[in-house]
Amino acid sequence: QITDPIADMLTRIRNAGNARHAVWMTRIQDEEGYCQILLDEGYIKSFEVVEGNTQGIIRIALKYVDNRQKAITGIKRVSKPGLRVYAGAQELPKVLRGLGIAIVSIPEAQTDKKARELNVGGEVLAFVW
C-alpha cells in the first residue's frame, strides 16, 4: 500500500532519470494530469496509459537534452500527507526565479504560472526544474 502516490511517482522519475530508464508505474489518482503538465512544459518526451490490469499502467519516456543531460535536473515533493502546504494566488512560489515550475493542485493540477493567470491558489504539490 502506497501512502503517498505523488511522492512515489516523483521518486520513480528521479531514479529512472539517474539510471536512464523509462518509468513504469500503476495508474493512481491524478498521475495522468501530472504527466501531462510535465509533457507540456517539456520535461518528459511522452507518456502512455497501458490498459491491462484493473487500474492500468503508465509508461513515461524521459527526455534528455543532446541525448546526454536529463531534462529534469531536480524534482522535489513540497506538500506531504503529514504537512500540507497551501498558497494563495499571490503567494505561489517561483522555482529558480521562474526557470522551474511548481505543480499546484487547484480543481485539477496546473503549473504555478497557470494558477497565477487564473488568480487562484491551492496546494503546492511539487517543484520541478
Protein backbone atom coordinates (compact mmCIF):
# COMPACT_ATOMS: atom_id res chain seq x y z
CA GLN A 1 0.00 0.00 0.00
CA ILE A 2 1.47 3.35 -1.09
CA THR A 3 0.65 6.11 1.37
CA ASP A 4 1.85 8.97 -0.87
CA PRO A 5 1.43 8.16 -4.58
CA ILE A 6 2.70 11.56 -5.74
CA ALA A 7 5.98 11.16 -3.84
CA ASP A 8 6.27 7.62 -5.24
CA MET A 9 5.81 8.94 -8.80
CA LEU A 10 8.39 11.70 -8.30
CA THR A 11 10.90 9.25 -6.79
CA ARG A 12 10.44 6.84 -9.68
CA ILE A 13 11.04 9.66 -12.18
CA ARG A 14 14.15 10.82 -10.29
CA ASN A 15 15.59 7.29 -10.05
CA ALA A 16 14.77 6.43 -13.67
CA GLY A 17 16.49 9.62 -14.82
CA ASN A 18 19.64 8.68 -12.95
CA ALA A 19 19.59 5.16 -14.40
CA ARG A 20 18.43 6.34 -17.89
CA HIS A 21 15.38 4.07 -17.90
CA ALA A 22 11.73 4.59 -18.74
CA VAL A 23 9.29 4.84 -15.83
CA TRP A 24 6.57 2.21 -15.33
CA MET A 25 4.01 2.63 -12.56
CA THR A 26 0.50 1.64 -11.65
CA ARG A 27 -2.02 4.35 -12.51
CA ILE A 28 -3.28 6.08 -9.35
CA GLN A 29 -5.38 9.22 -8.85
CA ASP A 30 -4.34 12.23 -10.95
CA GLU A 31 -0.98 10.99 -12.21
CA GLU A 32 -2.06 11.47 -15.83
CA GLY A 33 -2.62 15.17 -15.11
CA TYR A 34 0.84 15.50 -13.58
CA CYS A 35 2.36 13.67 -16.56
CA GLN A 36 0.50 16.00 -18.95
CA ILE A 37 1.98 19.03 -17.16
CA LEU A 38 5.50 17.57 -17.41
CA LEU A 39 4.91 16.86 -21.12
CA ASP A 40 3.51 20.34 -21.84
CA GLU A 41 6.42 22.01 -20.04
CA GLY A 42 8.98 19.92 -21.96
CA TYR A 43 10.34 17.83 -19.09
CA ILE A 44 9.37 14.41 -20.49
CA LYS A 45 9.28 13.06 -24.05
CA SER A 46 5.98 11.20 -23.82
CA PHE A 47 3.69 9.14 -21.64
CA GLU A 48 1.10 6.50 -22.35
CA VAL A 49 -1.53 4.66 -20.36
CA VAL A 50 -1.39 0.92 -20.96
CA GLU A 51 -4.63 -0.83 -20.08
CA GLY A 52 -4.06 -4.26 -18.64
CA ASN A 53 -4.92 -4.87 -15.07
CA THR A 54 -7.80 -3.20 -13.22
CA GLN A 55 -6.07 0.19 -12.79
CA GLY A 56 -3.83 0.37 -15.82
CA ILE A 57 -0.15 1.23 -16.07
CA ILE A 58 1.52 4.50 -17.03
CA ARG A 59 4.77 4.43 -19.04
CA ILE A 60 6.78 7.66 -19.06
CA ALA A 61 9.61 8.23 -21.55
CA LEU A 62 12.05 10.72 -20.04
CA LYS A 63 13.62 13.47 -22.11
CA TYR A 64 17.34 14.09 -22.46
CA VAL A 65 18.99 17.22 -23.87
CA ASP A 66 21.57 16.38 -26.55
CA ASN A 67 20.94 12.71 -25.60
CA ARG A 68 23.14 13.23 -22.53
CA GLN A 69 21.74 15.57 -19.87
CA LYS A 70 18.47 14.95 -18.10
CA ALA A 71 15.72 17.49 -18.84
CA ILE A 72 14.61 17.10 -15.21
CA THR A 73 17.62 18.15 -13.14
CA GLY A 74 15.65 18.32 -9.91
CA ILE A 75 12.25 17.23 -8.65
CA LYS A 76 11.00 17.72 -5.10
CA ARG A 77 7.80 16.96 -3.20
CA VAL A 78 6.58 20.03 -1.27
CA SER A 79 3.20 19.27 0.30
CA LYS A 80 3.18 15.95 2.15
CA PRO A 81 0.41 13.97 3.85
CA GLY A 82 1.79 14.96 7.27
CA LEU A 83 2.27 18.62 6.41
CA ARG A 84 0.13 20.17 3.68
CA VAL A 85 1.42 23.37 2.06
CA TYR A 86 -1.14 25.79 0.63
CA ALA A 87 -0.56 29.13 -1.08
CA GLY A 88 -2.83 31.85 -2.38
CA ALA A 89 -2.54 33.18 -5.92
CA GLN A 90 -0.19 35.99 -4.81
CA GLU A 91 2.00 33.76 -2.59
CA LEU A 92 2.67 30.99 -5.12
CA PRO A 93 6.41 30.24 -5.16
CA LYS A 94 8.60 30.78 -8.22
CA VAL A 95 11.00 27.89 -8.72
CA LEU A 96 14.51 29.07 -9.65
CA ARG A 97 13.12 32.55 -10.34
CA GLY A 98 10.74 31.21 -12.97
CA LEU A 99 13.05 28.70 -14.69
CA GLY A 100 11.33 25.73 -13.00
CA ILE A 101 7.68 25.00 -12.29
CA ALA A 102 5.59 24.36 -9.24
CA ILE A 103 2.72 21.90 -9.66
CA VAL A 104 -0.32 23.31 -7.88
CA SER A 105 -3.49 21.42 -7.05
CA ILE A 106 -6.49 23.56 -7.84
CA PRO A 107 -9.59 21.72 -9.09
CA GLU A 108 -7.13 19.93 -11.38
CA ALA A 109 -3.34 20.05 -11.36
CA GLN A 110 -1.80 23.12 -13.00
CA THR A 111 1.52 24.94 -13.05
CA ASP A 112 2.14 27.94 -10.84
CA LYS A 113 2.12 30.19 -13.94
CA LYS A 114 -1.34 28.99 -14.99
CA ALA A 115 -2.65 29.35 -11.42
CA ARG A 116 -1.40 32.95 -11.34
CA GLU A 117 -3.17 33.63 -14.66
CA LEU A 118 -6.41 32.20 -13.24
CA ASN A 119 -5.76 34.12 -9.98
CA VAL A 120 -6.33 31.02 -7.82
CA GLY A 121 -4.20 29.33 -5.18
CA GLY A 122 -4.11 25.78 -3.95
CA GLU A 123 -1.93 23.05 -2.56
CA VAL A 124 1.69 23.25 -3.74
CA LEU A 125 2.42 19.63 -4.64
CA ALA A 126 5.91 19.62 -6.19
CA PHE A 127 8.77 21.64 -7.65
CA VAL A 128 10.37 20.59 -10.96
CA TRP A 129 13.43 22.19 -12.51
